[in-house]
Amino acid sequence: MKTIKATTIAFLAGAMSLAAFQAIAADKVTLQLKWVTQGQFAGYYVAKDKGFYEEEDLDVEIKPGGPDIAPPQVMAGGGADVIVEWMPAALATRERGVPLVNIAQPFKTSGMMLTCPKDAGITGPDDFKGRTLGVWFFGNEYPFMNWMNKLGIPMQGGADGVNVLKQGFNVDPLLQKQADCISVMTYNEYWQVIDAGISEDELITFKYEDQGVATLEDGLWVLEQNLADDAFVDKMARFVRASMKGWKYAEENPDEAAEIILENDETGAQQEHHQQRMVREVAKLTSGTNGALDPADYERTVETLLTGGDDPVISKKPEGAWTHAVSDKAFGG
């Protein structure tokens, strides 16, 4: 009997030691999000909650963003291994000296739009002249700036220009009639307008995709020098593989994914119906990709940014701004 007890104790001690060793051995990854905890980032939270990161021997910390958090700055300061960022902001940051490199692109298409009440009398982009348009900043302004530059519309006001209202990350300027049009995402602010009591029939919406000025959003970016480390590339490959597993799970199980988001929302501000809707809308943007950046999408984004009139977002074509080294290792490309 004593022998059995001793064997059992030894087995349990060994199992506990193994578990402790595995926990210690797990590679740490810090992910900085572009915005607060919400369905926009469902894939990462699902991957963590469902154990997909753990299966890849990763210990992932997900850091929510906010109105005063710029992911490239966090990256430059050593606060993250990988960030979620829109390509215009990332490439502009790279040109300014922070060598960001895209290692994966979970979002295949853009969700950015400008929406206006029909009673504002705006029927097309030519009607923007002399109007006040709400625009997000902190790196989110680049797609809008590029669009206006391509249209040849100055952003300093006047009868032939637009007045740019620095829009908070809400829809108040439209509801309070401070702006003729505001920036919205297909999966978020647009539905806040609808929930505020304005019907879709009362709105005219301009999708950046339809206007030919769409650029890639929500890519995964790292610092270029880290890619010289084979161990880092391997860690990122495991991270991307697990993250995309999370994204595909979220696409197929949107309500469960929304529940996971709510469980991780420390602010308690998110609402169930809004997150369920957001996850479903975001699924339209992540559908049809395994996470590897399509070079054609990259080239289209760069071309859009370079042809932005007299004041383009970037001044020259970037070199070395993306790599398939991580996604190829992740998916056997």
Protein backbone atom coordinates (compact mmCIF):
# COMPACT_ATOMS: atom_id res chain seq x y z
CA MET A 1 0.00 0.00 0.00
CA LYS A 2 2.87 2.35 0.90
CA THR A 3 4.54 1.53 -2.39
CA ILE A 4 1.38 2.42 -4.31
CA LYS A 5 1.06 5.69 -2.39
CA ALA A 6 4.68 6.52 -2.97
CA THR A 7 4.32 5.76 -6.68
CA THR A 8 1.18 7.89 -6.92
CA ILE A 9 2.84 10.80 -5.13
CA ALA A 10 5.89 10.50 -7.35
CA PHE A 11 3.69 10.44 -10.46
CA LEU A 12 1.70 13.48 -9.37
CA ALA A 13 4.87 15.34 -8.44
CA GLY A 14 6.32 14.49 -11.82
CA ALA A 15 3.18 15.63 -13.61
CA MET A 16 3.17 18.89 -11.66
CA SER A 17 6.85 19.42 -12.42
CA LEU A 18 6.21 18.77 -16.11
CA ALA A 19 3.30 21.22 -16.15
CA ALA A 20 5.42 23.80 -14.38
CA PHE A 21 8.26 23.22 -16.82
CA GLN A 22 5.90 23.59 -19.79
CA ALA A 23 4.51 26.80 -18.35
CA ILE A 24 8.02 28.15 -17.87
CA ALA A 25 9.09 26.97 -21.31
CA ALA A 26 6.19 28.60 -23.16
CA ASP A 27 7.44 31.44 -25.36
CA LYS A 28 6.04 34.80 -24.34
CA VAL A 29 4.43 37.02 -26.97
CA THR A 30 3.02 40.49 -26.35
CA LEU A 31 0.40 41.64 -28.86
CA GLN A 32 -0.60 45.31 -28.95
CA LEU A 33 -4.07 45.87 -30.42
CA LYS A 34 -5.04 48.95 -32.39
CA TRP A 35 -8.15 49.61 -30.33
CA VAL A 36 -10.08 48.43 -27.29
CA THR A 37 -11.22 44.87 -26.67
CA GLN A 38 -13.98 44.22 -29.22
CA GLY A 39 -15.03 41.92 -32.06
CA GLN A 40 -12.51 43.60 -34.38
CA PHE A 41 -9.90 41.45 -32.61
CA ALA A 42 -11.99 38.35 -32.01
CA GLY A 43 -9.48 35.96 -33.58
CA TYR A 44 -6.79 36.71 -31.02
CA TYR A 45 -9.06 36.44 -28.00
CA VAL A 46 -10.58 33.22 -29.34
CA ALA A 47 -7.11 31.76 -29.93
CA LYS A 48 -6.18 32.52 -26.34
CA ASP A 49 -9.47 31.34 -24.83
CA LYS A 50 -9.65 28.10 -26.82
CA GLY A 51 -6.05 27.18 -26.06
CA PHE A 52 -4.76 27.58 -29.62
CA TYR A 53 -1.78 29.62 -28.42
CA GLU A 54 -1.09 27.15 -25.64
CA GLU A 55 -1.08 24.33 -28.21
CA GLU A 56 1.70 26.22 -30.01
CA ASP A 57 3.65 26.56 -26.75
CA LEU A 58 2.95 30.27 -26.52
CA ASP A 59 2.08 32.49 -23.58
CA VAL A 60 0.35 35.44 -25.25
CA GLU A 61 -0.46 38.73 -23.56
CA ILE A 62 -3.06 40.78 -25.44
CA LYS A 63 -2.82 44.50 -24.69
CA PRO A 64 -5.92 46.52 -25.61
CA GLY A 65 -5.43 49.84 -27.38
CA GLY A 66 -7.25 53.11 -26.90
CA PRO A 67 -7.61 56.67 -28.16
CA ASP A 68 -4.19 57.68 -26.84
CA ILE A 69 -2.31 54.53 -27.83
CA ALA A 70 -0.42 54.35 -31.14
CA PRO A 71 0.76 50.75 -31.69
CA PRO A 72 3.90 51.75 -33.67
CA GLN A 73 5.01 53.91 -30.75
CA VAL A 74 4.42 51.02 -28.37
CA MET A 75 6.50 48.82 -30.67
CA ALA A 76 9.31 51.37 -30.95
CA GLY A 77 9.39 51.65 -27.16
CA GLY A 78 9.78 47.90 -26.70
CA GLY A 79 6.27 47.38 -25.35
CA ALA A 80 5.18 44.72 -27.84
CA ASP A 81 6.56 41.89 -29.98
CA VAL A 82 3.85 42.30 -32.61
CA ILE A 83 1.19 44.92 -33.27
CA VAL A 84 -2.10 45.22 -35.13
CA GLU A 85 -1.94 48.24 -37.43
CA TRP A 86 -3.40 49.62 -40.64
CA MET A 87 -0.96 49.54 -43.55
CA PRO A 88 -1.02 53.31 -44.32
CA ALA A 89 0.01 54.17 -40.76
CA ALA A 90 2.58 51.37 -40.66
CA LEU A 91 4.20 52.40 -43.95
CA ALA A 92 4.20 56.07 -42.97
CA THR A 93 5.84 55.10 -39.69
CA ARG A 94 8.40 52.99 -41.55
CA GLU A 95 9.28 55.93 -43.79
CA ARG A 96 9.85 58.02 -40.65
CA GLY A 97 12.42 55.55 -39.36
CA VAL A 98 10.64 52.82 -37.39
CA PRO A 99 11.30 49.68 -39.49
CA LEU A 100 7.94 47.92 -39.31
CA VAL A 101 7.44 44.80 -41.44
CA ASN A 102 4.15 43.08 -42.23
CA ILE A 103 4.29 39.35 -41.40
CA ALA A 104 0.59 38.51 -41.91
CA GLN A 105 -2.64 40.11 -43.10
CA PRO A 106 -5.76 38.65 -41.43
CA PHE A 107 -8.01 41.39 -42.90
CA LYS A 108 -8.35 40.85 -46.65
CA THR A 109 -10.60 43.83 -47.37
CA SER A 110 -11.27 47.28 -45.91
CA GLY A 111 -14.19 48.14 -43.67
CA MET A 112 -13.72 51.92 -43.77
CA MET A 113 -16.52 54.23 -44.91
CA LEU A 114 -17.71 57.81 -44.79
CA THR A 115 -21.43 58.13 -44.03
CA CYS A 116 -23.69 61.17 -44.34
CA PRO A 117 -27.39 61.89 -43.71
CA LYS A 118 -29.16 62.17 -47.05
CA ASP A 119 -30.73 65.44 -45.96
CA ALA A 120 -27.24 66.98 -45.99
CA GLY A 121 -27.58 67.06 -49.77
CA ILE A 122 -24.42 65.08 -50.51
CA THR A 123 -24.82 62.67 -53.42
CA GLY A 124 -21.19 62.13 -54.42
CA PRO A 125 -17.59 63.08 -53.53
CA ASP A 126 -17.84 66.32 -55.53
CA ASP A 127 -20.34 67.52 -52.93
CA PHE A 128 -17.72 67.29 -50.16
CA LYS A 129 -16.43 70.76 -51.09
CA GLY A 130 -17.32 73.32 -48.48
CA ARG A 131 -18.48 70.63 -46.05
CA THR A 132 -17.28 69.49 -42.63
CA LEU A 133 -16.12 65.89 -42.53
CA GLY A 134 -15.33 63.92 -39.39
CA VAL A 135 -11.97 62.17 -39.49
CA TRP A 136 -10.15 59.94 -37.02
CA PHE A 137 -6.53 60.73 -36.24
CA PHE A 138 -3.70 58.84 -34.48
CA GLY A 139 -2.68 57.30 -37.79
CA ASN A 140 -6.23 56.63 -38.95
CA GLU A 141 -6.34 59.83 -40.98
CA TYR A 142 -4.03 58.60 -43.75
CA PRO A 143 -6.66 56.83 -45.91
CA PHE A 144 -8.89 59.92 -45.77
CA MET A 145 -6.02 62.29 -46.56
CA ASN A 146 -5.07 60.14 -49.51
CA TRP A 147 -8.66 60.13 -50.80
CA MET A 148 -8.97 63.91 -50.60
CA ASN A 149 -5.57 64.35 -52.28
CA LYS A 150 -6.67 62.11 -55.14
CA LEU A 151 -9.86 64.15 -55.52
CA GLY A 152 -7.84 67.36 -55.47
CA ILE A 153 -9.83 68.71 -52.54
CA PRO A 154 -7.83 70.81 -50.05
CA MET A 155 -8.23 69.98 -46.37
CA GLN A 156 -7.82 73.52 -45.07
CA GLY A 157 -11.45 74.56 -45.50
CA GLY A 158 -12.88 77.14 -47.85
CA ALA A 159 -15.53 76.86 -50.55
CA ASP A 160 -13.45 74.44 -52.62
CA GLY A 161 -12.04 72.49 -49.69
CA VAL A 162 -13.24 70.48 -46.74
CA ASN A 163 -13.22 71.36 -43.08
CA VAL A 164 -11.69 68.44 -41.22
CA LEU A 165 -13.25 67.82 -37.83
CA LYS A 166 -11.02 65.77 -35.55
CA GLN A 167 -13.55 63.08 -34.77
CA GLY A 168 -13.54 61.15 -31.54
CA PHE A 169 -14.05 57.41 -31.79
CA ASN A 170 -17.81 57.80 -31.70
CA VAL A 171 -20.63 59.09 -33.91
CA ASP A 172 -21.54 62.19 -31.90
CA PRO A 173 -20.54 64.71 -34.62
CA LEU A 174 -23.22 63.29 -36.93
CA LEU A 175 -25.90 62.96 -34.27
CA GLN A 176 -25.22 66.48 -33.00
CA LYS A 177 -24.97 67.87 -36.56
CA GLN A 178 -21.41 69.07 -36.04
CA ALA A 179 -20.30 67.36 -39.26
CA ASP A 180 -21.94 66.65 -42.60
CA CYS A 181 -20.31 63.22 -42.80
CA ILE A 182 -18.32 61.08 -40.39
CA SER A 183 -15.87 58.22 -40.54
CA VAL A 184 -17.31 54.80 -39.70
CA MET A 185 -16.31 51.16 -39.96
CA THR A 186 -18.66 48.60 -41.47
CA TYR A 187 -18.47 46.57 -38.27
CA ASN A 188 -18.69 49.29 -35.63
CA GLU A 189 -19.62 52.97 -35.87
CA TYR A 190 -22.02 52.52 -38.78
CA TRP A 191 -24.23 50.40 -36.55
CA GLN A 192 -23.93 52.91 -33.73
CA VAL A 193 -25.61 55.39 -36.08
CA ILE A 194 -28.35 52.87 -36.82
CA ASP A 195 -28.80 52.07 -33.14
CA ALA A 196 -29.17 55.81 -32.46
CA GLY A 197 -32.39 55.75 -34.50
CA ILE A 198 -31.25 56.77 -37.98
CA SER A 199 -32.36 54.23 -40.57
CA GLU A 200 -30.13 52.96 -43.36
CA ASP A 201 -32.53 54.57 -45.86
CA GLU A 202 -31.71 57.96 -44.37
CA LEU A 203 -27.97 57.58 -44.99
CA ILE A 204 -25.67 57.73 -47.98
CA THR A 205 -22.44 55.85 -47.47
CA PHE A 206 -19.16 55.93 -49.36
CA LYS A 207 -17.08 52.78 -48.97
CA TYR A 208 -13.38 53.30 -49.50
CA GLU A 209 -13.38 50.01 -51.43
CA ASP A 210 -15.96 51.38 -53.89
CA GLN A 211 -14.09 54.67 -54.27
CA GLY A 212 -10.90 52.91 -55.33
CA VAL A 213 -8.94 54.24 -52.35
CA ALA A 214 -9.19 51.26 -49.99
CA THR A 215 -6.02 50.29 -48.19
CA LEU A 216 -5.22 47.27 -46.06
CA GLU A 217 -6.21 47.33 -42.40
CA ASP A 218 -5.43 45.26 -39.29
CA GLY A 219 -2.23 43.59 -40.40
CA LEU A 220 0.36 42.07 -38.06
CA TRP A 221 3.64 44.00 -37.90
CA VAL A 222 7.00 43.42 -36.23
CA LEU A 223 10.35 45.18 -36.15
CA GLU A 224 12.57 44.29 -39.09
CA GLN A 225 15.68 43.54 -37.03
CA ASN A 226 13.84 40.84 -35.08
CA LEU A 227 13.28 38.84 -38.27
CA ALA A 228 17.02 38.10 -38.41
CA ASP A 229 16.48 35.85 -35.38
CA ASP A 230 15.33 32.37 -36.48
CA ALA A 231 13.83 31.72 -33.04
CA PHE A 232 11.72 34.88 -33.33
CA VAL A 233 10.51 33.90 -36.82
CA ASP A 234 9.55 30.47 -35.49
CA LYS A 235 7.69 32.05 -32.56
CA MET A 236 5.83 34.41 -34.87
CA ALA A 237 4.95 31.56 -37.24
CA ARG A 238 3.33 29.70 -34.35
CA PHE A 239 1.60 32.88 -33.28
CA VAL A 240 0.19 33.57 -36.75
CA ARG A 241 -0.92 29.96 -37.20
CA ALA A 242 -2.78 29.94 -33.87
CA SER A 243 -4.24 33.40 -34.49
CA MET A 244 -5.64 32.41 -37.87
CA LYS A 245 -7.11 29.29 -36.29
CA GLY A 246 -8.82 31.67 -33.88
CA TRP A 247 -10.07 33.84 -36.74
CA LYS A 248 -11.55 30.92 -38.63
CA TYR A 249 -13.20 29.65 -35.45
CA ALA A 250 -14.70 33.11 -34.91
CA GLU A 251 -16.03 33.16 -38.47
CA GLU A 252 -17.84 29.88 -37.87
CA ASN A 253 -18.93 30.58 -34.28
CA PRO A 254 -19.67 34.31 -34.08
CA ASP A 255 -21.89 34.22 -31.00
CA GLU A 256 -19.36 32.21 -29.01
CA ALA A 257 -16.60 34.54 -30.18
CA ALA A 258 -18.66 37.54 -29.05
CA GLU A 259 -19.11 35.94 -25.63
CA ILE A 260 -15.34 35.50 -25.37
CA ILE A 261 -14.89 39.18 -26.19
CA LEU A 262 -17.32 40.16 -23.44
CA GLU A 263 -15.50 37.96 -20.94
CA ASN A 264 -12.24 39.76 -21.75
CA ASP A 265 -13.66 43.28 -21.77
CA GLU A 266 -12.39 44.66 -18.47
CA THR A 267 -14.26 47.94 -18.98
CA GLY A 268 -17.67 46.27 -19.09
CA ALA A 269 -18.64 48.76 -21.80
CA GLN A 270 -19.33 46.31 -24.61
CA GLN A 271 -22.83 45.03 -25.33
CA GLU A 272 -23.67 41.50 -26.42
CA HIS A 273 -25.79 42.32 -29.47
CA HIS A 274 -23.25 44.86 -30.72
CA GLN A 275 -20.35 42.40 -30.37
CA GLN A 276 -22.29 39.60 -32.06
CA ARG A 277 -22.99 41.89 -34.99
CA MET A 278 -19.40 43.13 -35.06
CA VAL A 279 -17.93 39.63 -35.19
CA ARG A 280 -20.23 38.78 -38.10
CA GLU A 281 -19.28 41.94 -39.99
CA VAL A 282 -15.57 41.45 -39.35
CA ALA A 283 -15.88 37.89 -40.68
CA LYS A 284 -16.65 39.41 -44.08
CA LEU A 285 -13.23 41.09 -43.99
CA THR A 286 -11.23 38.05 -42.83
CA SER A 287 -13.02 35.55 -45.07
CA GLY A 288 -11.08 33.96 -47.91
CA THR A 289 -7.56 34.32 -46.53
CA ASN A 290 -5.27 32.15 -44.44
CA GLY A 291 -3.48 35.25 -43.18
CA ALA A 292 -0.67 35.43 -45.72
CA LEU A 293 -0.35 38.87 -47.31
CA ASP A 294 -1.40 38.93 -50.96
CA PRO A 295 1.37 40.86 -52.78
CA ALA A 296 -1.23 42.26 -55.20
CA ASP A 297 -3.17 43.77 -52.27
CA TYR A 298 0.06 45.24 -50.93
CA GLU A 299 0.97 46.77 -54.29
CA ARG A 300 -2.53 48.21 -54.66
CA THR A 301 -2.29 49.81 -51.22
CA VAL A 302 1.15 51.28 -51.94
CA GLU A 303 0.02 52.59 -55.33
CA THR A 304 -3.02 54.19 -53.71
CA LEU A 305 -0.84 55.87 -51.10
CA LEU A 306 1.71 57.10 -53.64
CA THR A 307 -0.87 58.62 -55.97
CA GLY A 308 -2.42 60.86 -53.36
CA GLY A 309 -1.90 64.15 -55.19
CA ASP A 310 0.59 66.78 -54.00
CA ASP A 311 0.82 65.43 -50.46
CA PRO A 312 0.92 61.62 -50.58
CA VAL A 313 0.96 59.55 -47.40
CA ILE A 314 4.35 58.09 -48.35
CA SER A 315 6.88 59.71 -50.67
CA LYS A 316 8.45 56.62 -52.20
CA LYS A 317 7.80 52.93 -52.67
CA PRO A 318 8.86 51.06 -49.53
CA GLU A 319 11.46 48.31 -49.69
CA GLY A 320 11.40 45.32 -47.36
CA ALA A 321 8.08 46.34 -45.76
CA TRP A 322 6.58 42.85 -45.89
CA THR A 323 7.72 39.25 -45.77
CA HIS A 324 6.29 35.79 -46.32
CA ALA A 325 8.98 34.21 -44.14
CA VAL A 326 6.59 33.92 -41.20
CA SER A 327 3.43 32.88 -43.05
CA ASP A 328 5.37 30.36 -45.19
CA LYS A 329 6.72 28.76 -42.03
CA ALA A 330 3.28 28.87 -40.44
CA PHE A 331 1.39 27.34 -43.33
CA GLY A 332 4.07 25.47 -45.26
CA GLY A 333 4.18 27.91 -48.17
